[in-house]
Amino acid sequence: MKRSVAGGVARSVDGRDGSPDAGDTIQIGIAVDVPEPWGGMLTRRRIEAGDAQAVPAHVTLLGPTEIPVRALPAVEEHLARVAASHLPFTLHLRGTGTFRPVTQVVFVAVAAGISECELLAAAINAAPELHREARFPYHPHVTVAQDVPPEVLDKAYEDLADFSALFEVEAFTLFSHSGATRWQPRRDFRLGG
């Protein structure tokens, strides 16, 4: 991977490079990846639950947000500044939780690293291009089942009740979605510069 000028690591992209012919808008999201072996296991569990929205396991910092393609360079500069001003931290995932009955979601809970995720999410959302009204207060978690039958939600909740993973978060990732492809990692931003 090549290091970019703004302090991140360039990654494979979905073909949109910010040029005018790439389209008027692009969907982006920002997340902390859950590393192996836990990430693959949680992703498989979500797929096995029949969740049509299954994506690699992650803690969301900014949910799907549509921005003008021309704003992407400014957004990446903002993310580089945010990453440089936050130190790496330990994230402990432990046990399960649910947002039911409000939404049909079961998740693995963040037991430690909550405030660090909240501070990162707030700093990311401070960019004018990224600010959006949230439907719900920010709550860091790893979704493991969503919008599936109640018995499947119950099973995910029970099966992962003893789950535990402890790892260092050293970066967050900008993802993009062109509409024709799945979410693709675009660039990693290393914490602490």
C-alpha atoms as a PDB file:
ATOM      1  CA  MET A   1       0.000   0.000   0.000  1.00  0.00           C
ATOM      2  CA  LYS A   2       1.262   3.453  -0.723  1.00  0.00           C
ATOM      3  CA  ARG A   3       1.204   6.218   1.829  1.00  0.00           C
ATOM      4  CA  SER A   4      -0.764   9.258   0.790  1.00  0.00           C
ATOM      5  CA  VAL A   5       0.123  12.879   1.397  1.00  0.00           C
ATOM      6  CA  ALA A   6      -2.602  13.481   3.983  1.00  0.00           C
ATOM      7  CA  GLY A   7      -1.358  10.816   6.390  1.00  0.00           C
ATOM      8  CA  GLY A   8      -3.620   7.890   5.497  1.00  0.00           C
ATOM      9  CA  VAL A   9      -2.982   4.689   3.627  1.00  0.00           C
ATOM     10  CA  ALA A  10      -4.540   4.411   0.184  1.00  0.00           C
ATOM     11  CA  ARG A  11      -6.621   1.268  -0.344  1.00  0.00           C
ATOM     12  CA  SER A  12      -8.544  -0.248  -3.198  1.00  0.00           C
ATOM     13  CA  VAL A  13     -11.480   1.895  -4.240  1.00  0.00           C
ATOM     14  CA  ASP A  14     -14.719   1.377  -6.084  1.00  0.00           C
ATOM     15  CA  GLY A  15     -13.577   3.339  -9.131  1.00  0.00           C
ATOM     16  CA  ARG A  16     -14.607   6.748  -7.874  1.00  0.00           C
ATOM     17  CA  ASP A  17     -11.574   8.939  -7.551  1.00  0.00           C
ATOM     18  CA  GLY A  18     -13.223  12.292  -6.959  1.00  0.00           C
ATOM     19  CA  SER A  19     -13.028  13.331 -10.594  1.00  0.00           C
ATOM     20  CA  PRO A  20     -16.094  15.048 -12.083  1.00  0.00           C
ATOM     21  CA  ASP A  21     -16.866  12.121 -14.404  1.00  0.00           C
ATOM     22  CA  ALA A  22     -17.120   9.766 -11.424  1.00  0.00           C
ATOM     23  CA  GLY A  23     -20.684  10.989 -10.690  1.00  0.00           C
ATOM     24  CA  ASP A  24     -22.232  13.752  -8.668  1.00  0.00           C
ATOM     25  CA  THR A  25     -22.454  12.047  -5.271  1.00  0.00           C
ATOM     26  CA  ILE A  26     -20.902   9.137  -3.437  1.00  0.00           C
ATOM     27  CA  GLN A  27     -21.966   7.191  -0.352  1.00  0.00           C
ATOM     28  CA  ILE A  28     -19.329   6.953   2.349  1.00  0.00           C
ATOM     29  CA  GLY A  29     -19.112   5.401   5.784  1.00  0.00           C
ATOM     30  CA  ILE A  30     -16.388   5.348   8.420  1.00  0.00           C
ATOM     31  CA  ALA A  31     -15.689   2.447  10.748  1.00  0.00           C
ATOM     32  CA  VAL A  32     -13.241   0.597  12.949  1.00  0.00           C
ATOM     33  CA  ASP A  33     -12.646  -2.888  11.526  1.00  0.00           C
ATOM     34  CA  VAL A  34     -12.852  -5.820  13.917  1.00  0.00           C
ATOM     35  CA  PRO A  35      -9.592  -7.753  13.334  1.00  0.00           C
ATOM     36  CA  GLU A  36      -9.174 -11.496  12.872  1.00  0.00           C
ATOM     37  CA  PRO A  37      -9.984 -13.950  14.203  1.00  0.00           C
ATOM     38  CA  TRP A  38     -13.021 -12.184  15.672  1.00  0.00           C
ATOM     39  CA  GLY A  39     -14.004 -10.152  12.606  1.00  0.00           C
ATOM     40  CA  GLY A  40     -14.418 -13.150  10.339  1.00  0.00           C
ATOM     41  CA  MET A  41     -16.316 -15.082  12.970  1.00  0.00           C
ATOM     42  CA  LEU A  42     -18.786 -12.246  13.649  1.00  0.00           C
ATOM     43  CA  THR A  43     -19.249 -11.637   9.918  1.00  0.00           C
ATOM     44  CA  ARG A  44     -20.022 -15.338   9.336  1.00  0.00           C
ATOM     45  CA  ARG A  45     -22.521 -15.298  12.208  1.00  0.00           C
ATOM     46  CA  ARG A  46     -24.329 -12.353  10.622  1.00  0.00           C
ATOM     47  CA  ILE A  47     -24.434 -14.095   7.230  1.00  0.00           C
ATOM     48  CA  GLU A  48     -25.638 -17.350   8.845  1.00  0.00           C
ATOM     49  CA  ALA A  49     -28.437 -15.377  10.523  1.00  0.00           C
ATOM     50  CA  GLY A  50     -29.715 -14.540   7.032  1.00  0.00           C
ATOM     51  CA  ASP A  51     -28.980 -10.837   7.396  1.00  0.00           C
ATOM     52  CA  ALA A  52     -29.129  -9.358   3.876  1.00  0.00           C
ATOM     53  CA  GLN A  53     -27.108  -6.351   5.067  1.00  0.00           C
ATOM     54  CA  ALA A  54     -24.184  -8.472   6.261  1.00  0.00           C
ATOM     55  CA  VAL A  55     -20.902  -6.620   5.811  1.00  0.00           C
ATOM     56  CA  PRO A  56     -17.522  -7.289   7.473  1.00  0.00           C
ATOM     57  CA  ALA A  57     -17.736  -6.842  11.257  1.00  0.00           C
ATOM     58  CA  HIS A  58     -17.055  -3.261  12.355  1.00  0.00           C
ATOM     59  CA  VAL A  59     -17.858  -0.491  14.803  1.00  0.00           C
ATOM     60  CA  THR A  60     -19.479   2.354  12.883  1.00  0.00           C
ATOM     61  CA  LEU A  61     -18.138   5.872  13.443  1.00  0.00           C
ATOM     62  CA  LEU A  62     -20.191   7.459  10.634  1.00  0.00           C
ATOM     63  CA  GLY A  63     -23.094   5.596   9.060  1.00  0.00           C
ATOM     64  CA  PRO A  64     -23.888   5.726   5.343  1.00  0.00           C
ATOM     65  CA  THR A  65     -23.685   9.358   4.255  1.00  0.00           C
ATOM     66  CA  GLU A  66     -24.083  10.773   0.773  1.00  0.00           C
ATOM     67  CA  ILE A  67     -21.686  13.572  -0.130  1.00  0.00           C
ATOM     68  CA  PRO A  68     -20.776  15.379  -3.351  1.00  0.00           C
ATOM     69  CA  VAL A  69     -17.832  13.677  -5.043  1.00  0.00           C
ATOM     70  CA  ARG A  70     -16.069  17.052  -5.217  1.00  0.00           C
ATOM     71  CA  ALA A  71     -16.140  17.178  -1.365  1.00  0.00           C
ATOM     72  CA  LEU A  72     -14.174  13.941  -0.999  1.00  0.00           C
ATOM     73  CA  PRO A  73     -10.679  15.553  -0.861  1.00  0.00           C
ATOM     74  CA  ALA A  74     -11.808  17.959   1.903  1.00  0.00           C
ATOM     75  CA  VAL A  75     -13.423  15.077   3.796  1.00  0.00           C
ATOM     76  CA  GLU A  76     -10.215  13.030   3.572  1.00  0.00           C
ATOM     77  CA  GLU A  77      -8.163  15.984   4.836  1.00  0.00           C
ATOM     78  CA  HIS A  78     -10.591  16.379   7.746  1.00  0.00           C
ATOM     79  CA  LEU A  79     -10.324  12.658   8.571  1.00  0.00           C
ATOM     80  CA  ALA A  80      -6.523  12.839   8.506  1.00  0.00           C
ATOM     81  CA  ARG A  81      -6.651  15.716  11.040  1.00  0.00           C
ATOM     82  CA  VAL A  82      -9.113  13.804  13.240  1.00  0.00           C
ATOM     83  CA  ALA A  83      -6.936  10.685  13.180  1.00  0.00           C
ATOM     84  CA  ALA A  84      -3.782  12.660  13.978  1.00  0.00           C
ATOM     85  CA  SER A  85      -5.435  14.238  17.021  1.00  0.00           C
ATOM     86  CA  HIS A  86      -6.646  10.959  18.588  1.00  0.00           C
ATOM     87  CA  LEU A  87      -4.420   8.296  20.122  1.00  0.00           C
ATOM     88  CA  PRO A  88      -4.728   4.542  19.583  1.00  0.00           C
ATOM     89  CA  PHE A  89      -6.872   2.825  22.207  1.00  0.00           C
ATOM     90  CA  THR A  90      -7.981  -0.577  23.467  1.00  0.00           C
ATOM     91  CA  LEU A  91     -11.397  -1.817  22.401  1.00  0.00           C
ATOM     92  CA  HIS A  92     -13.066  -4.578  24.392  1.00  0.00           C
ATOM     93  CA  LEU A  93     -16.090  -6.259  22.832  1.00  0.00           C
ATOM     94  CA  ARG A  94     -18.041  -8.330  25.338  1.00  0.00           C
ATOM     95  CA  GLY A  95     -21.485  -9.894  25.442  1.00  0.00           C
ATOM     96  CA  THR A  96     -24.581  -8.975  23.479  1.00  0.00           C
ATOM     97  CA  GLY A  97     -27.239  -6.295  23.482  1.00  0.00           C
ATOM     98  CA  THR A  98     -30.271  -5.350  21.436  1.00  0.00           C
ATOM     99  CA  PHE A  99     -32.108  -2.258  20.255  1.00  0.00           C
ATOM    100  CA  ARG A 100     -35.448  -4.099  20.239  1.00  0.00           C
ATOM    101  CA  PRO A 101     -38.260  -3.110  20.181  1.00  0.00           C
ATOM    102  CA  VAL A 102     -37.162   0.185  18.564  1.00  0.00           C
ATOM    103  CA  THR A 103     -35.179  -1.554  15.790  1.00  0.00           C
ATOM    104  CA  GLN A 104     -34.714  -5.241  15.069  1.00  0.00           C
ATOM    105  CA  VAL A 105     -30.990  -5.380  15.857  1.00  0.00           C
ATOM    106  CA  VAL A 106     -28.810  -7.625  18.017  1.00  0.00           C
ATOM    107  CA  PHE A 107     -25.218  -6.562  18.573  1.00  0.00           C
ATOM    108  CA  VAL A 108     -21.998  -7.385  20.359  1.00  0.00           C
ATOM    109  CA  ALA A 109     -21.476  -4.695  22.978  1.00  0.00           C
ATOM    110  CA  VAL A 110     -18.488  -2.404  23.399  1.00  0.00           C
ATOM    111  CA  ALA A 111     -17.391  -2.858  27.026  1.00  0.00           C
ATOM    112  CA  ALA A 112     -14.290  -0.622  26.934  1.00  0.00           C
ATOM    113  CA  GLY A 113     -13.359   2.028  24.402  1.00  0.00           C
ATOM    114  CA  ILE A 114     -16.833   3.562  24.377  1.00  0.00           C
ATOM    115  CA  SER A 115     -15.712   7.123  25.090  1.00  0.00           C
ATOM    116  CA  GLU A 116     -12.900   6.902  22.531  1.00  0.00           C
ATOM    117  CA  CYS A 117     -15.405   5.797  19.857  1.00  0.00           C
ATOM    118  CA  GLU A 118     -17.800   8.571  20.897  1.00  0.00           C
ATOM    119  CA  LEU A 119     -15.057  11.209  20.678  1.00  0.00           C
ATOM    120  CA  LEU A 120     -13.930   9.960  17.260  1.00  0.00           C
ATOM    121  CA  ALA A 121     -17.496   9.875  15.949  1.00  0.00           C
ATOM    122  CA  ALA A 122     -18.171  13.417  17.199  1.00  0.00           C
ATOM    123  CA  ALA A 123     -14.940  14.762  15.681  1.00  0.00           C
ATOM    124  CA  ILE A 124     -15.666  13.063  12.347  1.00  0.00           C
ATOM    125  CA  ASN A 125     -19.222  14.400  12.305  1.00  0.00           C
ATOM    126  CA  ALA A 126     -17.954  17.964  12.900  1.00  0.00           C
ATOM    127  CA  ALA A 127     -17.060  18.368   9.216  1.00  0.00           C
ATOM    128  CA  PRO A 128     -19.804  20.369   7.478  1.00  0.00           C
ATOM    129  CA  GLU A 129     -19.890  17.839   4.628  1.00  0.00           C
ATOM    130  CA  LEU A 130     -20.487  14.984   7.084  1.00  0.00           C
ATOM    131  CA  HIS A 131     -22.871  16.536   9.574  1.00  0.00           C
ATOM    132  CA  ARG A 132     -26.279  14.913   9.518  1.00  0.00           C
ATOM    133  CA  GLU A 133     -29.151  14.604  11.921  1.00  0.00           C
ATOM    134  CA  ALA A 134     -29.000  11.239  13.642  1.00  0.00           C
ATOM    135  CA  ARG A 135     -32.174   9.207  14.130  1.00  0.00           C
ATOM    136  CA  PHE A 136     -30.768   7.794  17.362  1.00  0.00           C
ATOM    137  CA  PRO A 137     -27.981   8.758  19.798  1.00  0.00           C
ATOM    138  CA  TYR A 138     -24.580   7.319  18.866  1.00  0.00           C
ATOM    139  CA  HIS A 139     -23.983   3.940  20.539  1.00  0.00           C
ATOM    140  CA  PRO A 140     -20.831   2.040  19.484  1.00  0.00           C
ATOM    141  CA  HIS A 141     -21.513  -1.653  18.814  1.00  0.00           C
ATOM    142  CA  VAL A 142     -20.970  -4.474  16.306  1.00  0.00           C
ATOM    143  CA  THR A 143     -24.213  -5.555  14.614  1.00  0.00           C
ATOM    144  CA  VAL A 144     -24.548  -9.344  14.366  1.00  0.00           C
ATOM    145  CA  ALA A 145     -28.189  -9.659  13.250  1.00  0.00           C
ATOM    146  CA  GLN A 146     -30.605  -7.128  11.790  1.00  0.00           C
ATOM    147  CA  ASP A 147     -34.115  -7.289  10.353  1.00  0.00           C
ATOM    148  CA  VAL A 148     -34.359 -11.079  10.589  1.00  0.00           C
ATOM    149  CA  PRO A 149     -37.109 -13.146  12.298  1.00  0.00           C
ATOM    150  CA  PRO A 150     -37.379 -12.713  16.096  1.00  0.00           C
ATOM    151  CA  GLU A 151     -36.209 -16.279  16.798  1.00  0.00           C
ATOM    152  CA  VAL A 152     -33.048 -15.639  14.775  1.00  0.00           C
ATOM    153  CA  LEU A 153     -32.414 -12.438  16.729  1.00  0.00           C
ATOM    154  CA  ASP A 154     -32.935 -14.389  19.981  1.00  0.00           C
ATOM    155  CA  LYS A 155     -30.472 -17.085  18.871  1.00  0.00           C
ATOM    156  CA  ALA A 156     -27.771 -14.538  17.963  1.00  0.00           C
ATOM    157  CA  TYR A 157     -28.324 -12.790  21.300  1.00  0.00           C
ATOM    158  CA  GLU A 158     -27.968 -16.043  23.258  1.00  0.00           C
ATOM    159  CA  ASP A 159     -25.182 -17.652  21.198  1.00  0.00           C
ATOM    160  CA  LEU A 160     -22.848 -14.656  21.507  1.00  0.00           C
ATOM    161  CA  ALA A 161     -23.671 -13.751  25.130  1.00  0.00           C
ATOM    162  CA  ASP A 162     -20.227 -14.989  26.244  1.00  0.00           C
ATOM    163  CA  PHE A 163     -18.338 -13.429  23.333  1.00  0.00           C
ATOM    164  CA  SER A 164     -15.220 -11.444  24.245  1.00  0.00           C
ATOM    165  CA  ALA A 165     -12.497  -9.811  22.160  1.00  0.00           C
ATOM    166  CA  LEU A 166      -9.819  -7.359  23.240  1.00  0.00           C
ATOM    167  CA  PHE A 167      -7.684  -5.525  20.654  1.00  0.00           C
ATOM    168  CA  GLU A 168      -5.874  -2.283  19.932  1.00  0.00           C
ATOM    169  CA  VAL A 169      -7.496   0.215  17.576  1.00  0.00           C
ATOM    170  CA  GLU A 170      -4.752   1.934  15.615  1.00  0.00           C
ATOM    171  CA  ALA A 171      -6.787   3.243  12.666  1.00  0.00           C
ATOM    172  CA  PHE A 172     -10.229   3.800  11.224  1.00  0.00           C
ATOM    173  CA  THR A 173     -11.293   3.233   7.630  1.00  0.00           C
ATOM    174  CA  LEU A 174     -13.163   5.323   5.078  1.00  0.00           C
ATOM    175  CA  PHE A 175     -15.463   3.144   2.968  1.00  0.00           C
ATOM    176  CA  SER A 176     -17.274   4.123  -0.216  1.00  0.00           C
ATOM    177  CA  HIS A 177     -20.230   2.728  -2.105  1.00  0.00           C
ATOM    178  CA  SER A 178     -21.039   3.578  -5.698  1.00  0.00           C
ATOM    179  CA  GLY A 179     -24.441   1.930  -5.718  1.00  0.00           C
ATOM    180  CA  ALA A 180     -23.300  -0.683  -8.228  1.00  0.00           C
ATOM    181  CA  THR A 181     -20.811  -2.358  -5.883  1.00  0.00           C
ATOM    182  CA  ARG A 182     -20.667  -3.376  -2.234  1.00  0.00           C
ATOM    183  CA  TRP A 183     -18.974  -1.180   0.358  1.00  0.00           C
ATOM    184  CA  GLN A 184     -15.268  -0.968  -0.465  1.00  0.00           C
ATOM    185  CA  PRO A 185     -12.430   0.189   1.822  1.00  0.00           C
ATOM    186  CA  ARG A 186     -11.069   3.402   0.382  1.00  0.00           C
ATOM    187  CA  ARG A 187      -8.453   4.567   2.860  1.00  0.00           C
ATOM    188  CA  ASP A 188      -7.141   3.852   6.372  1.00  0.00           C
ATOM    189  CA  PHE A 189      -6.412   6.732   8.755  1.00  0.00           C
ATOM    190  CA  ARG A 190      -3.812   5.965  11.442  1.00  0.00           C
ATOM    191  CA  LEU A 191      -4.541   7.321  14.905  1.00  0.00           C
ATOM    192  CA  GLY A 192      -1.938   9.568  16.456  1.00  0.00           C
ATOM    193  CA  GLY A 193      -0.606  10.626  13.062  1.00  0.00           C
END
